Amino acid sequence: VAWLENFILPMGFPNKLRAAISADAFVTYANEGQDKNLERFLEGIADTGRRGPKEALRVLYEIVGDDQPQAEELLDLVFRLSVASDAFFVPNLDRDRYLRRVENIE
């Protein structure tokens, strides 16, 4: 996973993803007086599927860091996500092959 974060996914991706999908905890947990990071994160993940493509696009836009991202920025992110998801499940990963795939899009 660390290799994917360092070489395939965009710089700072884990933090940007966490910030983009963490649901607002104020309403849900205001009366409990505690911050539940795991619950917020999981709720955010669920929302990207439950709320349809609009929510998923909002998360992608937020990860790119722009309200009006260029098509190239979104395509780069989505391509890197697809390469990372493919590489994540491959036993005996040929890292050079995956690096070449990502480098060829730039």
Protein backbone atom coordinates (compact mmCIF):
# COMPACT_ATOMS: atom_id res chain seq x y z
CA VAL A 1 0.00 0.00 0.00
CA ALA A 2 2.84 2.40 0.83
CA TRP A 3 4.38 1.79 -2.61
CA LEU A 4 1.06 2.64 -4.30
CA GLU A 5 0.78 5.84 -2.26
CA ASN A 6 4.35 6.87 -3.04
CA PHE A 7 4.58 6.01 -6.73
CA ILE A 8 1.15 5.52 -8.32
CA LEU A 9 -1.34 7.76 -6.53
CA PRO A 10 -1.03 11.57 -6.59
CA MET A 11 1.03 13.21 -3.84
CA GLY A 12 -0.97 13.65 -0.65
CA PHE A 13 -3.79 11.41 -1.87
CA PRO A 14 -4.55 9.64 1.46
CA ASN A 15 -5.00 12.92 3.34
CA LYS A 16 -7.01 14.51 0.54
CA LEU A 17 -9.28 11.46 0.31
CA ARG A 18 -9.80 11.37 4.06
CA ALA A 19 -10.70 15.07 4.11
CA ALA A 20 -13.00 14.77 1.09
CA ILE A 21 -15.08 11.85 2.32
CA SER A 22 -15.22 12.40 6.05
CA ALA A 23 -18.86 13.15 6.77
CA ASP A 24 -19.72 16.16 8.87
CA ALA A 25 -19.78 14.86 12.42
CA PHE A 26 -21.31 17.93 14.04
CA VAL A 27 -24.95 17.00 13.57
CA THR A 28 -24.57 13.29 14.18
CA TYR A 29 -22.36 13.44 17.27
CA ALA A 30 -23.10 16.92 18.71
CA ASN A 31 -24.96 15.51 21.69
CA GLU A 32 -22.37 12.85 22.43
CA GLY A 33 -19.45 15.27 22.84
CA GLN A 34 -16.95 13.13 20.96
CA ASP A 35 -15.36 12.93 17.55
CA LYS A 36 -15.67 9.54 15.89
CA ASN A 37 -13.16 9.60 13.05
CA LEU A 38 -13.66 6.01 11.92
CA GLU A 39 -17.43 6.35 11.81
CA ARG A 40 -17.15 9.63 9.87
CA PHE A 41 -14.73 8.06 7.39
CA LEU A 42 -16.89 4.98 6.81
CA GLU A 43 -20.02 7.11 6.45
CA GLY A 44 -18.20 9.22 3.88
CA ILE A 45 -17.23 6.12 1.89
CA ALA A 46 -20.80 4.86 1.99
CA ASP A 47 -22.11 8.24 0.84
CA THR A 48 -20.01 8.17 -2.33
CA GLY A 49 -21.97 5.10 -3.41
CA ARG A 50 -25.37 5.85 -1.88
CA ARG A 51 -25.68 9.37 -3.16
CA GLY A 52 -24.78 8.42 -6.71
CA PRO A 53 -22.32 9.87 -9.20
CA LYS A 54 -22.77 13.46 -8.03
CA GLU A 55 -21.21 12.70 -4.65
CA ALA A 56 -18.42 10.66 -6.22
CA LEU A 57 -17.62 13.56 -8.56
CA ARG A 58 -17.63 15.98 -5.63
CA VAL A 59 -15.01 13.82 -3.91
CA LEU A 60 -12.88 13.64 -7.07
CA TYR A 61 -13.08 17.42 -7.50
CA GLU A 62 -12.09 17.96 -3.89
CA ILE A 63 -9.12 15.59 -4.19
CA VAL A 64 -7.94 17.47 -7.29
CA GLY A 65 -8.39 20.62 -5.19
CA ASP A 66 -10.38 22.77 -7.55
CA ASP A 67 -14.03 23.67 -8.07
CA GLN A 68 -13.44 23.76 -11.83
CA PRO A 69 -10.68 21.21 -12.49
CA GLN A 70 -9.23 20.69 -15.92
CA ALA A 71 -10.26 17.48 -17.67
CA GLU A 72 -6.61 16.38 -17.67
CA GLU A 73 -6.43 16.60 -13.87
CA LEU A 74 -9.52 14.46 -13.40
CA LEU A 75 -8.42 11.94 -16.02
CA ASP A 76 -4.98 11.65 -14.41
CA LEU A 77 -6.54 11.01 -10.99
CA VAL A 78 -9.04 8.46 -12.28
CA PHE A 79 -6.37 6.65 -14.31
CA ARG A 80 -4.03 6.49 -11.31
CA LEU A 81 -6.87 5.16 -9.16
CA SER A 82 -7.60 2.44 -11.71
CA VAL A 83 -3.93 1.45 -11.95
CA ALA A 84 -3.64 1.40 -8.15
CA SER A 85 -6.78 -0.70 -7.72
CA ASP A 86 -5.50 -3.17 -10.31
CA ALA A 87 -2.04 -3.34 -8.71
CA PHE A 88 -3.48 -3.76 -5.22
CA PHE A 89 -4.84 -7.22 -6.02
CA VAL A 90 -1.95 -8.57 -8.09
CA PRO A 91 0.28 -11.09 -6.32
CA ASN A 92 3.99 -10.79 -7.17
CA LEU A 93 3.50 -7.31 -8.54
CA ASP A 94 5.83 -6.21 -11.34
CA ARG A 95 6.37 -2.68 -10.03
CA ASP A 96 8.31 -1.49 -13.08
CA ARG A 97 5.40 -2.42 -15.36
CA TYR A 98 2.95 -0.39 -13.27
CA LEU A 99 5.33 2.58 -13.05
CA ARG A 100 5.65 2.57 -16.85
CA ARG A 101 1.85 2.62 -17.17
CA VAL A 102 1.62 5.73 -15.01
CA GLU A 103 4.63 7.46 -16.55
CA ASN A 104 3.23 6.99 -20.06
CA ILE A 105 0.21 9.17 -19.33
CA GLU A 106 2.24 12.26 -18.44
